[in-house]
N, C-alpha and C. Protein backbone atom coordinates (compact mmCIF):
# COMPACT_ATOMS: atom_id res chain seq x y z
N MET A 1 5.85 -15.48 -12.31
CA MET A 1 6.95 -15.26 -11.38
C MET A 1 8.21 -14.85 -12.15
N THR A 2 9.09 -14.12 -11.51
CA THR A 2 10.31 -13.67 -12.17
C THR A 2 11.51 -14.09 -11.36
N GLY A 3 12.70 -13.95 -11.97
CA GLY A 3 13.94 -14.31 -11.30
C GLY A 3 14.30 -13.37 -10.18
N GLN A 4 13.56 -12.29 -10.02
CA GLN A 4 13.88 -11.32 -8.98
C GLN A 4 13.09 -11.54 -7.68
N VAL A 5 12.36 -12.65 -7.61
CA VAL A 5 11.70 -13.00 -6.36
C VAL A 5 12.77 -13.36 -5.35
N ARG A 6 12.69 -12.77 -4.15
CA ARG A 6 13.74 -12.96 -3.16
C ARG A 6 13.25 -13.65 -1.90
N THR A 7 14.17 -14.29 -1.21
CA THR A 7 13.87 -14.91 0.07
C THR A 7 13.90 -13.83 1.14
N VAL A 8 13.51 -14.20 2.35
CA VAL A 8 13.47 -13.24 3.45
C VAL A 8 14.85 -12.62 3.71
N ASP A 9 15.92 -13.41 3.53
CA ASP A 9 17.27 -12.90 3.79
C ASP A 9 17.89 -12.20 2.57
N GLY A 10 17.09 -11.99 1.52
CA GLY A 10 17.57 -11.19 0.39
C GLY A 10 18.13 -11.95 -0.78
N ARG A 11 18.22 -13.27 -0.67
CA ARG A 11 18.75 -14.05 -1.80
C ARG A 11 17.71 -14.15 -2.91
N VAL A 12 18.18 -14.18 -4.17
CA VAL A 12 17.27 -14.35 -5.30
C VAL A 12 16.84 -15.81 -5.36
N ALA A 13 15.54 -16.03 -5.42
CA ALA A 13 15.03 -17.40 -5.46
C ALA A 13 15.14 -17.96 -6.87
N GLY A 14 15.59 -19.21 -6.97
CA GLY A 14 15.67 -19.88 -8.25
C GLY A 14 14.30 -20.35 -8.70
N ARG A 15 14.29 -21.01 -9.85
CA ARG A 15 13.00 -21.45 -10.39
C ARG A 15 12.28 -22.40 -9.43
N ARG A 16 13.02 -23.29 -8.84
CA ARG A 16 12.43 -24.25 -7.90
C ARG A 16 11.89 -23.52 -6.66
N GLY A 17 12.68 -22.57 -6.19
CA GLY A 17 12.25 -21.80 -5.02
C GLY A 17 11.01 -20.98 -5.31
N GLN A 18 10.95 -20.42 -6.49
CA GLN A 18 9.78 -19.64 -6.89
C GLN A 18 8.53 -20.51 -6.91
N ALA A 19 8.68 -21.73 -7.42
CA ALA A 19 7.55 -22.65 -7.50
C ALA A 19 7.06 -23.02 -6.10
N THR A 20 8.02 -23.24 -5.20
CA THR A 20 7.66 -23.57 -3.81
C THR A 20 6.95 -22.40 -3.15
N ARG A 21 7.48 -21.22 -3.37
CA ARG A 21 6.88 -19.99 -2.80
C ARG A 21 5.45 -19.83 -3.30
N GLN A 22 5.25 -20.03 -4.60
CA GLN A 22 3.91 -19.88 -5.18
C GLN A 22 2.96 -20.94 -4.65
N LYS A 23 3.48 -22.15 -4.43
CA LYS A 23 2.63 -23.21 -3.90
C LYS A 23 2.18 -22.87 -2.49
N LEU A 24 3.07 -22.30 -1.70
CA LEU A 24 2.72 -21.88 -0.34
C LEU A 24 1.62 -20.82 -0.38
N LEU A 25 1.74 -19.87 -1.31
CA LEU A 25 0.72 -18.82 -1.44
C LEU A 25 -0.62 -19.41 -1.88
N ASP A 26 -0.57 -20.35 -2.82
CA ASP A 26 -1.80 -20.98 -3.31
C ASP A 26 -2.49 -21.75 -2.19
N CYS A 27 -1.71 -22.46 -1.40
CA CYS A 27 -2.27 -23.23 -0.29
C CYS A 27 -2.85 -22.30 0.78
N LEU A 28 -2.17 -21.20 1.04
CA LEU A 28 -2.67 -20.22 2.01
C LEU A 28 -3.98 -19.63 1.53
N ARG A 29 -4.05 -19.28 0.26
CA ARG A 29 -5.28 -18.71 -0.30
C ARG A 29 -6.44 -19.69 -0.14
N GLU A 30 -6.16 -20.96 -0.41
CA GLU A 30 -7.20 -21.99 -0.29
C GLU A 30 -7.64 -22.16 1.17
N MET A 31 -6.70 -22.11 2.08
CA MET A 31 -7.02 -22.28 3.51
C MET A 31 -7.83 -21.10 4.04
N LEU A 32 -7.54 -19.90 3.56
CA LEU A 32 -8.26 -18.72 4.02
C LEU A 32 -9.73 -18.75 3.58
N SER A 33 -10.00 -19.49 2.51
CA SER A 33 -11.38 -19.57 2.02
C SER A 33 -12.24 -20.50 2.86
N SER A 34 -11.59 -21.31 3.70
CA SER A 34 -12.36 -22.27 4.51
C SER A 34 -12.09 -22.17 6.01
N SER A 35 -11.12 -21.33 6.40
CA SER A 35 -10.78 -21.21 7.83
C SER A 35 -10.67 -19.75 8.23
N PRO A 36 -11.00 -19.42 9.48
CA PRO A 36 -10.79 -18.05 9.97
C PRO A 36 -9.31 -17.69 9.88
N TYR A 37 -9.04 -16.44 9.51
CA TYR A 37 -7.66 -15.98 9.31
C TYR A 37 -6.76 -16.30 10.50
N ARG A 38 -7.23 -16.03 11.69
CA ARG A 38 -6.40 -16.18 12.88
C ARG A 38 -6.17 -17.65 13.26
N ASP A 39 -6.91 -18.55 12.62
CA ASP A 39 -6.70 -19.98 12.89
C ASP A 39 -5.66 -20.60 11.96
N VAL A 40 -5.25 -19.88 10.94
CA VAL A 40 -4.29 -20.41 9.97
C VAL A 40 -2.87 -20.26 10.52
N LYS A 41 -2.18 -21.39 10.66
CA LYS A 41 -0.83 -21.40 11.22
C LYS A 41 0.19 -21.80 10.15
N VAL A 42 1.42 -21.34 10.36
CA VAL A 42 2.50 -21.63 9.41
C VAL A 42 2.65 -23.13 9.20
N ILE A 43 2.62 -23.91 10.28
CA ILE A 43 2.82 -25.35 10.16
C ILE A 43 1.75 -26.00 9.30
N ASP A 44 0.51 -25.47 9.37
CA ASP A 44 -0.59 -26.02 8.57
C ASP A 44 -0.43 -25.70 7.09
N VAL A 45 -0.01 -24.45 6.81
CA VAL A 45 0.22 -24.05 5.41
C VAL A 45 1.35 -24.88 4.81
N ALA A 46 2.43 -25.03 5.58
CA ALA A 46 3.59 -25.79 5.09
C ALA A 46 3.21 -27.25 4.84
N ARG A 47 2.45 -27.84 5.77
CA ARG A 47 2.04 -29.24 5.61
C ARG A 47 1.18 -29.42 4.36
N LYS A 48 0.26 -28.49 4.16
CA LYS A 48 -0.62 -28.57 2.98
C LYS A 48 0.18 -28.45 1.69
N ALA A 49 1.24 -27.65 1.72
CA ALA A 49 2.07 -27.45 0.53
C ALA A 49 3.11 -28.57 0.37
N GLY A 50 3.16 -29.49 1.34
CA GLY A 50 4.10 -30.59 1.26
C GLY A 50 5.53 -30.20 1.56
N THR A 51 5.69 -29.19 2.41
CA THR A 51 7.03 -28.74 2.78
C THR A 51 7.08 -28.49 4.28
N SER A 52 8.11 -27.78 4.74
CA SER A 52 8.31 -27.58 6.17
C SER A 52 8.12 -26.12 6.58
N PRO A 53 7.85 -25.87 7.87
CA PRO A 53 7.78 -24.49 8.35
C PRO A 53 9.06 -23.71 8.06
N ALA A 54 10.20 -24.40 8.14
CA ALA A 54 11.48 -23.73 7.86
C ALA A 54 11.51 -23.19 6.44
N THR A 55 10.94 -23.96 5.51
CA THR A 55 10.88 -23.51 4.12
C THR A 55 9.95 -22.31 3.99
N PHE A 56 8.81 -22.36 4.69
CA PHE A 56 7.88 -21.22 4.68
C PHE A 56 8.60 -19.95 5.11
N TYR A 57 9.38 -20.04 6.19
CA TYR A 57 10.06 -18.86 6.73
C TYR A 57 11.19 -18.37 5.83
N GLN A 58 11.59 -19.18 4.86
CA GLN A 58 12.58 -18.69 3.90
C GLN A 58 11.98 -17.60 3.02
N TYR A 59 10.66 -17.66 2.80
CA TYR A 59 10.00 -16.76 1.85
C TYR A 59 9.09 -15.71 2.50
N PHE A 60 8.63 -16.00 3.71
CA PHE A 60 7.71 -15.07 4.38
C PHE A 60 8.04 -14.98 5.87
N PRO A 61 7.93 -13.79 6.46
CA PRO A 61 8.25 -13.64 7.88
C PRO A 61 7.22 -14.33 8.78
N ASP A 62 5.98 -14.40 8.30
CA ASP A 62 4.90 -15.02 9.06
C ASP A 62 3.67 -15.14 8.15
N VAL A 63 2.58 -15.66 8.69
CA VAL A 63 1.36 -15.81 7.89
C VAL A 63 0.88 -14.46 7.38
N GLU A 64 0.94 -13.45 8.24
CA GLU A 64 0.48 -12.12 7.86
C GLU A 64 1.27 -11.58 6.67
N GLY A 65 2.59 -11.83 6.68
CA GLY A 65 3.42 -11.38 5.56
C GLY A 65 3.02 -12.04 4.26
N ALA A 66 2.67 -13.33 4.32
CA ALA A 66 2.23 -14.03 3.12
C ALA A 66 0.86 -13.53 2.66
N VAL A 67 -0.02 -13.25 3.62
CA VAL A 67 -1.34 -12.71 3.28
C VAL A 67 -1.19 -11.36 2.59
N LEU A 68 -0.26 -10.54 3.05
CA LEU A 68 -0.03 -9.24 2.42
C LEU A 68 0.42 -9.41 0.97
N GLU A 69 1.20 -10.45 0.70
CA GLU A 69 1.60 -10.74 -0.69
C GLU A 69 0.37 -11.03 -1.55
N LEU A 70 -0.51 -11.87 -1.02
CA LEU A 70 -1.74 -12.19 -1.75
C LEU A 70 -2.60 -10.94 -1.95
N ALA A 71 -2.65 -10.11 -0.91
CA ALA A 71 -3.47 -8.90 -0.97
C ALA A 71 -2.93 -7.91 -2.00
N GLU A 72 -1.61 -7.82 -2.10
CA GLU A 72 -1.01 -6.91 -3.08
C GLU A 72 -1.32 -7.38 -4.51
N GLU A 73 -1.26 -8.69 -4.73
CA GLU A 73 -1.60 -9.24 -6.04
C GLU A 73 -3.05 -8.93 -6.38
N MET A 74 -3.92 -9.11 -5.40
CA MET A 74 -5.34 -8.84 -5.60
C MET A 74 -5.58 -7.37 -5.91
N ALA A 75 -4.88 -6.49 -5.19
CA ALA A 75 -5.06 -5.05 -5.39
C ALA A 75 -4.64 -4.63 -6.79
N SER A 76 -3.59 -5.25 -7.30
CA SER A 76 -3.14 -4.93 -8.66
C SER A 76 -4.21 -5.31 -9.67
N GLU A 77 -4.86 -6.45 -9.43
CA GLU A 77 -5.97 -6.85 -10.30
C GLU A 77 -7.16 -5.92 -10.12
N GLY A 78 -7.40 -5.50 -8.87
CA GLY A 78 -8.54 -4.62 -8.57
C GLY A 78 -8.44 -3.27 -9.24
N ALA A 79 -7.20 -2.83 -9.50
CA ALA A 79 -7.02 -1.53 -10.17
C ALA A 79 -7.67 -1.55 -11.55
N GLY A 80 -7.85 -2.76 -12.10
CA GLY A 80 -8.47 -2.88 -13.42
C GLY A 80 -9.96 -2.58 -13.40
N LEU A 81 -10.55 -2.48 -12.21
CA LEU A 81 -11.97 -2.15 -12.12
C LEU A 81 -12.26 -0.77 -12.71
N THR A 82 -11.25 0.08 -12.72
CA THR A 82 -11.46 1.43 -13.25
C THR A 82 -11.83 1.40 -14.73
N GLU A 83 -11.44 0.31 -15.43
CA GLU A 83 -11.77 0.19 -16.85
C GLU A 83 -13.28 0.08 -17.07
N LEU A 84 -14.01 -0.27 -16.01
CA LEU A 84 -15.46 -0.37 -16.12
C LEU A 84 -16.12 1.01 -16.12
N VAL A 85 -15.32 2.04 -15.79
CA VAL A 85 -15.86 3.40 -15.66
C VAL A 85 -15.15 4.40 -16.58
N ALA A 86 -13.83 4.34 -16.61
CA ALA A 86 -13.04 5.33 -17.34
C ALA A 86 -13.44 5.44 -18.81
N GLY A 87 -13.82 6.66 -19.20
CA GLY A 87 -14.15 6.92 -20.59
C GLY A 87 -15.49 6.37 -21.04
N ARG A 88 -16.27 5.82 -20.12
CA ARG A 88 -17.55 5.25 -20.49
C ARG A 88 -18.65 6.32 -20.47
N SER A 89 -19.65 6.11 -21.29
CA SER A 89 -20.77 7.05 -21.36
C SER A 89 -21.81 6.77 -20.28
N TRP A 90 -22.39 7.87 -19.73
CA TRP A 90 -23.47 7.74 -18.76
C TRP A 90 -24.77 8.31 -19.33
N ALA A 91 -24.82 8.45 -20.64
CA ALA A 91 -26.00 9.01 -21.30
C ALA A 91 -26.87 7.90 -21.89
N GLY A 92 -28.18 8.06 -21.77
CA GLY A 92 -29.12 7.14 -22.40
C GLY A 92 -28.92 5.69 -22.02
N LYS A 93 -29.15 4.80 -23.00
CA LYS A 93 -29.02 3.37 -22.76
C LYS A 93 -27.58 2.97 -22.44
N ALA A 94 -26.63 3.72 -23.00
CA ALA A 94 -25.22 3.43 -22.72
C ALA A 94 -24.92 3.63 -21.24
N GLY A 95 -25.54 4.64 -20.63
CA GLY A 95 -25.34 4.90 -19.22
C GLY A 95 -25.86 3.77 -18.35
N TRP A 96 -27.00 3.22 -18.73
CA TRP A 96 -27.57 2.09 -18.00
C TRP A 96 -26.66 0.87 -18.11
N GLN A 97 -26.09 0.67 -19.30
CA GLN A 97 -25.17 -0.45 -19.49
C GLN A 97 -23.91 -0.27 -18.65
N THR A 98 -23.40 0.96 -18.59
CA THR A 98 -22.21 1.25 -17.79
C THR A 98 -22.47 0.93 -16.32
N ALA A 99 -23.61 1.36 -15.81
CA ALA A 99 -23.96 1.10 -14.41
C ALA A 99 -24.05 -0.39 -14.13
N GLN A 100 -24.67 -1.12 -15.04
CA GLN A 100 -24.82 -2.56 -14.85
C GLN A 100 -23.47 -3.28 -14.88
N GLU A 101 -22.59 -2.89 -15.80
CA GLU A 101 -21.30 -3.55 -15.92
C GLU A 101 -20.40 -3.22 -14.73
N LEU A 102 -20.53 -2.00 -14.21
CA LEU A 102 -19.75 -1.63 -13.02
C LEU A 102 -20.19 -2.49 -11.83
N VAL A 103 -21.47 -2.61 -11.63
CA VAL A 103 -22.00 -3.41 -10.52
C VAL A 103 -21.58 -4.87 -10.67
N GLU A 104 -21.74 -5.42 -11.86
CA GLU A 104 -21.39 -6.82 -12.08
C GLU A 104 -19.90 -7.05 -11.85
N GLY A 105 -19.06 -6.13 -12.34
CA GLY A 105 -17.62 -6.26 -12.14
C GLY A 105 -17.23 -6.20 -10.68
N PHE A 106 -17.86 -5.31 -9.93
CA PHE A 106 -17.58 -5.17 -8.50
C PHE A 106 -17.98 -6.43 -7.74
N LEU A 107 -19.19 -6.91 -7.98
CA LEU A 107 -19.68 -8.10 -7.27
C LEU A 107 -18.84 -9.32 -7.62
N ASP A 108 -18.48 -9.46 -8.89
CA ASP A 108 -17.67 -10.61 -9.32
C ASP A 108 -16.28 -10.57 -8.68
N PHE A 109 -15.67 -9.37 -8.64
CA PHE A 109 -14.34 -9.22 -8.05
C PHE A 109 -14.37 -9.61 -6.58
N TRP A 110 -15.40 -9.15 -5.87
CA TRP A 110 -15.49 -9.45 -4.43
C TRP A 110 -15.72 -10.93 -4.18
N ARG A 111 -16.53 -11.56 -5.02
CA ARG A 111 -16.76 -13.00 -4.85
C ARG A 111 -15.47 -13.78 -5.10
N LYS A 112 -14.75 -13.38 -6.14
CA LYS A 112 -13.51 -14.08 -6.49
C LYS A 112 -12.47 -13.98 -5.39
N HIS A 113 -12.38 -12.82 -4.74
CA HIS A 113 -11.33 -12.59 -3.75
C HIS A 113 -11.89 -12.45 -2.33
N ASP A 114 -13.03 -13.07 -2.10
CA ASP A 114 -13.73 -12.92 -0.82
C ASP A 114 -12.84 -13.20 0.39
N ALA A 115 -12.09 -14.30 0.34
CA ALA A 115 -11.28 -14.69 1.50
C ALA A 115 -10.22 -13.64 1.84
N ILE A 116 -9.52 -13.15 0.81
CA ILE A 116 -8.47 -12.16 1.05
C ILE A 116 -9.07 -10.81 1.45
N LEU A 117 -10.17 -10.44 0.82
CA LEU A 117 -10.80 -9.16 1.14
C LEU A 117 -11.30 -9.11 2.58
N ARG A 118 -11.75 -10.25 3.09
CA ARG A 118 -12.18 -10.29 4.49
C ARG A 118 -11.02 -9.98 5.42
N VAL A 119 -9.85 -10.52 5.10
CA VAL A 119 -8.66 -10.26 5.91
C VAL A 119 -8.23 -8.80 5.78
N VAL A 120 -8.27 -8.28 4.55
CA VAL A 120 -7.91 -6.88 4.32
C VAL A 120 -8.84 -5.95 5.09
N ASP A 121 -10.13 -6.22 5.05
CA ASP A 121 -11.11 -5.40 5.78
C ASP A 121 -10.86 -5.47 7.28
N LEU A 122 -10.55 -6.67 7.77
CA LEU A 122 -10.28 -6.85 9.19
C LEU A 122 -9.06 -6.04 9.61
N GLY A 123 -7.97 -6.18 8.83
CA GLY A 123 -6.75 -5.45 9.15
C GLY A 123 -6.94 -3.95 9.09
N ALA A 124 -7.66 -3.48 8.06
CA ALA A 124 -7.92 -2.05 7.90
C ALA A 124 -8.77 -1.53 9.07
N ALA A 125 -9.78 -2.32 9.48
CA ALA A 125 -10.64 -1.90 10.58
C ALA A 125 -9.88 -1.83 11.90
N GLU A 126 -8.84 -2.64 12.02
CA GLU A 126 -8.03 -2.64 13.25
C GLU A 126 -6.91 -1.60 13.21
N GLY A 127 -6.86 -0.84 12.12
CA GLY A 127 -5.90 0.25 12.04
C GLY A 127 -4.55 -0.10 11.44
N ASP A 128 -4.44 -1.28 10.83
CA ASP A 128 -3.19 -1.68 10.19
C ASP A 128 -3.06 -0.90 8.88
N LYS A 129 -2.11 0.01 8.81
CA LYS A 129 -1.97 0.88 7.64
C LYS A 129 -1.66 0.12 6.37
N ARG A 130 -0.98 -1.02 6.50
CA ARG A 130 -0.64 -1.80 5.30
C ARG A 130 -1.91 -2.31 4.61
N PHE A 131 -2.83 -2.84 5.41
CA PHE A 131 -4.08 -3.33 4.84
C PHE A 131 -4.97 -2.18 4.40
N TYR A 132 -4.93 -1.09 5.14
CA TYR A 132 -5.73 0.09 4.78
C TYR A 132 -5.31 0.62 3.40
N LYS A 133 -4.00 0.68 3.16
CA LYS A 133 -3.51 1.18 1.88
C LYS A 133 -3.93 0.26 0.73
N ILE A 134 -3.92 -1.03 0.98
CA ILE A 134 -4.33 -1.98 -0.06
C ILE A 134 -5.81 -1.79 -0.38
N ARG A 135 -6.63 -1.65 0.66
CA ARG A 135 -8.06 -1.44 0.45
C ARG A 135 -8.31 -0.16 -0.33
N MET A 136 -7.59 0.90 0.03
CA MET A 136 -7.77 2.18 -0.66
C MET A 136 -7.27 2.12 -2.10
N LYS A 137 -6.24 1.31 -2.34
CA LYS A 137 -5.72 1.16 -3.70
C LYS A 137 -6.80 0.59 -4.62
N ILE A 138 -7.56 -0.36 -4.11
CA ILE A 138 -8.63 -0.98 -4.89
C ILE A 138 -9.75 0.02 -5.17
N LEU A 139 -10.14 0.76 -4.12
CA LEU A 139 -11.31 1.64 -4.23
C LEU A 139 -11.02 2.99 -4.88
N THR A 140 -9.80 3.50 -4.70
CA THR A 140 -9.49 4.85 -5.17
C THR A 140 -9.55 5.00 -6.68
N SER A 141 -9.05 3.99 -7.41
CA SER A 141 -9.03 4.11 -8.87
C SER A 141 -10.45 4.23 -9.42
N VAL A 142 -11.38 3.44 -8.85
CA VAL A 142 -12.78 3.51 -9.30
C VAL A 142 -13.40 4.84 -8.88
N THR A 143 -13.10 5.26 -7.65
CA THR A 143 -13.64 6.53 -7.14
C THR A 143 -13.21 7.70 -8.03
N ASN A 144 -11.94 7.73 -8.39
CA ASN A 144 -11.44 8.82 -9.22
C ASN A 144 -12.12 8.83 -10.60
N SER A 145 -12.32 7.64 -11.17
CA SER A 145 -12.96 7.56 -12.48
C SER A 145 -14.42 8.01 -12.41
N LEU A 146 -15.13 7.64 -11.34
CA LEU A 146 -16.51 8.07 -11.17
C LEU A 146 -16.58 9.58 -10.94
N ALA A 147 -15.63 10.11 -10.18
CA ALA A 147 -15.60 11.56 -9.95
C ALA A 147 -15.39 12.30 -11.26
N ASP A 148 -14.53 11.76 -12.12
CA ASP A 148 -14.31 12.37 -13.44
C ASP A 148 -15.60 12.33 -14.27
N ALA A 149 -16.36 11.25 -14.12
CA ALA A 149 -17.62 11.13 -14.86
C ALA A 149 -18.61 12.20 -14.40
N VAL A 150 -18.65 12.45 -13.09
CA VAL A 150 -19.53 13.50 -12.56
C VAL A 150 -19.11 14.87 -13.10
N LYS A 151 -17.81 15.13 -13.09
CA LYS A 151 -17.31 16.41 -13.61
C LYS A 151 -17.68 16.59 -15.08
N ASP A 152 -17.58 15.50 -15.85
CA ASP A 152 -17.92 15.55 -17.26
C ASP A 152 -19.40 15.88 -17.45
N LEU A 153 -20.25 15.24 -16.64
CA LEU A 153 -21.69 15.51 -16.72
C LEU A 153 -22.00 16.95 -16.30
N GLN A 154 -21.25 17.46 -15.32
CA GLN A 154 -21.44 18.85 -14.89
C GLN A 154 -21.05 19.82 -16.00
N SER A 155 -19.98 19.51 -16.72
CA SER A 155 -19.53 20.39 -17.80
C SER A 155 -20.54 20.46 -18.94
N LYS A 156 -21.38 19.41 -19.04
CA LYS A 156 -22.41 19.37 -20.08
C LYS A 156 -23.76 19.85 -19.57
N GLY A 157 -23.76 20.29 -18.30
CA GLY A 157 -25.00 20.81 -17.73
C GLY A 157 -26.00 19.74 -17.35
N LYS A 158 -25.55 18.51 -17.21
CA LYS A 158 -26.47 17.41 -16.90
C LYS A 158 -26.50 17.05 -15.42
N VAL A 159 -25.56 17.62 -14.66
CA VAL A 159 -25.54 17.43 -13.20
C VAL A 159 -25.30 18.79 -12.57
N ASP A 160 -26.04 19.09 -11.50
CA ASP A 160 -25.93 20.40 -10.83
C ASP A 160 -24.49 20.70 -10.41
N LYS A 161 -24.12 21.97 -10.50
CA LYS A 161 -22.78 22.39 -10.14
C LYS A 161 -22.48 22.25 -8.66
N ASP A 162 -23.54 22.25 -7.82
CA ASP A 162 -23.30 22.16 -6.39
C ASP A 162 -23.05 20.73 -5.91
N VAL A 163 -23.11 19.76 -6.82
CA VAL A 163 -22.78 18.37 -6.48
C VAL A 163 -21.26 18.23 -6.38
N HIS A 164 -20.79 17.63 -5.31
CA HIS A 164 -19.34 17.44 -5.13
C HIS A 164 -18.94 16.11 -5.76
N PRO A 165 -18.19 16.13 -6.86
CA PRO A 165 -17.86 14.89 -7.58
C PRO A 165 -17.22 13.80 -6.72
N ALA A 166 -16.20 14.16 -5.94
CA ALA A 166 -15.50 13.16 -5.13
C ALA A 166 -16.39 12.60 -4.03
N ALA A 167 -17.26 13.44 -3.47
CA ALA A 167 -18.15 12.98 -2.41
C ALA A 167 -19.16 11.97 -2.95
N VAL A 168 -19.75 12.28 -4.09
CA VAL A 168 -20.73 11.37 -4.72
C VAL A 168 -20.03 10.07 -5.12
N ALA A 169 -18.90 10.20 -5.78
CA ALA A 169 -18.17 9.02 -6.25
C ALA A 169 -17.74 8.15 -5.07
N GLY A 170 -17.21 8.77 -4.02
CA GLY A 170 -16.77 8.01 -2.85
C GLY A 170 -17.92 7.29 -2.16
N ALA A 171 -19.06 7.97 -2.07
CA ALA A 171 -20.23 7.36 -1.44
C ALA A 171 -20.72 6.15 -2.25
N LEU A 172 -20.72 6.29 -3.56
CA LEU A 172 -21.18 5.18 -4.41
C LEU A 172 -20.23 3.99 -4.33
N VAL A 173 -18.93 4.26 -4.33
CA VAL A 173 -17.96 3.17 -4.25
C VAL A 173 -18.03 2.49 -2.88
N ALA A 174 -18.19 3.27 -1.82
CA ALA A 174 -18.34 2.69 -0.49
C ALA A 174 -19.58 1.80 -0.43
N MET A 175 -20.65 2.24 -1.06
CA MET A 175 -21.87 1.44 -1.12
C MET A 175 -21.62 0.14 -1.88
N LEU A 176 -20.95 0.23 -3.03
CA LEU A 176 -20.66 -0.95 -3.82
C LEU A 176 -19.82 -1.95 -3.03
N ALA A 177 -18.81 -1.46 -2.33
CA ALA A 177 -17.94 -2.34 -1.55
C ALA A 177 -18.71 -3.00 -0.42
N ALA A 178 -19.57 -2.23 0.25
CA ALA A 178 -20.35 -2.78 1.36
C ALA A 178 -21.32 -3.85 0.87
N VAL A 179 -22.00 -3.56 -0.22
CA VAL A 179 -22.94 -4.54 -0.77
C VAL A 179 -22.20 -5.77 -1.27
N ALA A 180 -21.08 -5.56 -1.94
CA ALA A 180 -20.31 -6.68 -2.49
C ALA A 180 -19.82 -7.62 -1.39
N SER A 181 -19.47 -7.07 -0.24
CA SER A 181 -18.98 -7.90 0.86
C SER A 181 -20.12 -8.55 1.65
N HIS A 182 -21.36 -8.17 1.32
CA HIS A 182 -22.52 -8.66 2.06
C HIS A 182 -23.45 -9.48 1.17
N GLN A 183 -22.91 -10.03 0.07
CA GLN A 183 -23.77 -10.72 -0.90
C GLN A 183 -24.51 -11.91 -0.31
N LYS A 184 -23.86 -12.66 0.57
CA LYS A 184 -24.52 -13.81 1.19
C LYS A 184 -25.66 -13.36 2.09
N GLY A 185 -25.50 -12.17 2.68
CA GLY A 185 -26.54 -11.63 3.54
C GLY A 185 -27.81 -11.32 2.78
N PHE A 186 -27.65 -10.86 1.56
CA PHE A 186 -28.82 -10.57 0.72
C PHE A 186 -29.61 -11.85 0.43
N GLN A 187 -28.88 -12.95 0.25
CA GLN A 187 -29.55 -14.22 0.01
C GLN A 187 -30.38 -14.61 1.22
N ALA A 188 -29.89 -14.31 2.41
CA ALA A 188 -30.64 -14.61 3.63
C ALA A 188 -31.90 -13.77 3.71
N TRP A 189 -31.89 -12.61 3.05
CA TRP A 189 -33.08 -11.75 3.02
C TRP A 189 -34.02 -12.12 1.88
N GLY A 190 -33.67 -13.17 1.14
CA GLY A 190 -34.51 -13.60 0.03
C GLY A 190 -34.27 -12.85 -1.25
N VAL A 191 -33.11 -12.18 -1.35
CA VAL A 191 -32.78 -11.42 -2.55
C VAL A 191 -31.80 -12.23 -3.40
N LYS A 192 -32.18 -12.57 -4.62
CA LYS A 192 -31.32 -13.33 -5.51
C LYS A 192 -30.32 -12.41 -6.21
N GLN A 193 -29.22 -13.01 -6.67
CA GLN A 193 -28.21 -12.23 -7.40
C GLN A 193 -28.83 -11.53 -8.60
N THR A 194 -29.73 -12.23 -9.27
CA THR A 194 -30.35 -11.65 -10.46
C THR A 194 -31.23 -10.45 -10.12
N GLU A 195 -31.65 -10.35 -8.85
CA GLU A 195 -32.46 -9.22 -8.40
C GLU A 195 -31.58 -8.11 -7.82
N LEU A 196 -30.48 -8.53 -7.20
CA LEU A 196 -29.58 -7.55 -6.57
C LEU A 196 -28.91 -6.66 -7.61
N LYS A 197 -28.38 -7.26 -8.68
CA LYS A 197 -27.59 -6.52 -9.65
C LYS A 197 -28.34 -5.34 -10.29
N PRO A 198 -29.53 -5.53 -10.86
CA PRO A 198 -30.21 -4.40 -11.50
C PRO A 198 -30.64 -3.33 -10.52
N ASN A 199 -31.00 -3.73 -9.30
CA ASN A 199 -31.43 -2.74 -8.31
C ASN A 199 -30.25 -1.92 -7.79
N LEU A 200 -29.10 -2.58 -7.66
CA LEU A 200 -27.90 -1.85 -7.25
C LEU A 200 -27.44 -0.93 -8.38
N ALA A 201 -27.54 -1.41 -9.62
CA ALA A 201 -27.17 -0.58 -10.78
C ALA A 201 -28.09 0.64 -10.88
N LEU A 202 -29.36 0.46 -10.52
CA LEU A 202 -30.30 1.59 -10.51
C LEU A 202 -29.84 2.67 -9.53
N LEU A 203 -29.41 2.25 -8.33
CA LEU A 203 -28.94 3.20 -7.33
C LEU A 203 -27.67 3.93 -7.80
N VAL A 204 -26.77 3.18 -8.44
CA VAL A 204 -25.54 3.79 -8.96
C VAL A 204 -25.87 4.82 -10.02
N HIS A 205 -26.75 4.46 -10.94
CA HIS A 205 -27.12 5.38 -12.03
C HIS A 205 -27.80 6.63 -11.48
N LEU A 206 -28.74 6.44 -10.56
CA LEU A 206 -29.43 7.57 -9.95
C LEU A 206 -28.46 8.46 -9.18
N GLY A 207 -27.56 7.82 -8.44
CA GLY A 207 -26.61 8.59 -7.64
C GLY A 207 -25.66 9.41 -8.47
N LEU A 208 -25.24 8.85 -9.60
CA LEU A 208 -24.26 9.56 -10.43
C LEU A 208 -24.90 10.62 -11.33
N THR A 209 -26.04 10.27 -11.93
CA THR A 209 -26.63 11.18 -12.92
C THR A 209 -27.81 11.98 -12.38
N GLY A 210 -28.41 11.49 -11.28
CA GLY A 210 -29.62 12.15 -10.76
C GLY A 210 -30.85 11.82 -11.56
N ARG A 211 -30.71 10.86 -12.49
CA ARG A 211 -31.83 10.51 -13.38
C ARG A 211 -32.08 9.01 -13.39
N LYS A 212 -33.32 8.63 -13.66
CA LYS A 212 -33.64 7.23 -13.87
C LYS A 212 -33.01 6.80 -15.19
N PRO A 213 -32.50 5.57 -15.26
CA PRO A 213 -31.86 5.13 -16.51
C PRO A 213 -32.84 4.89 -17.63
N THR A 214 -32.32 5.06 -18.85
CA THR A 214 -33.07 4.70 -20.04
C THR A 214 -32.75 3.26 -20.38
N LYS A 215 -33.73 2.40 -20.28
CA LYS A 215 -33.46 0.97 -20.49
C LYS A 215 -33.87 0.53 -21.89
């Protein structure tokens, strides 16, 4: 936290205020992991944080405003997913490793931020542009890096020129996001995490390179 954290009315929050604000966010994050988003009320968050609704409203306009704060923090962390792709090799055994690490990073990120991502997906599906932009911020950096990888493979003659880099990359990222948000569903189908990861990595590798991986 920094000294430039501000209250709703524009005042700079002091160290004590910053700590209170962060505690409210931490309590909200915890509540979202165990309660439906629309059931979470300001009075409940404030009570859990050991403060009052009036204090909550000093820092956030409403529960949705606080959730957006959490979502922005998550999106900033999600931008780091591009490091799993940018500048990585898709040739030979290195390509198989890249595919596996991308899948593992995506699934881990979604599990870690499951509660917030569910709210972001809900808001985006309902047409809330704020949540839509956050969702796109997470996915776009990875999509762009994968598209660059396709272009690189095309320049080396390893992927057909008629393949559209952004279309392939976008489809793969959409698949990763859908699977990552449905991990519990796979367990209901009898698919273990240890089985899901390599099979998903196989699809990513095939989709990007058009070839079976060298293991």
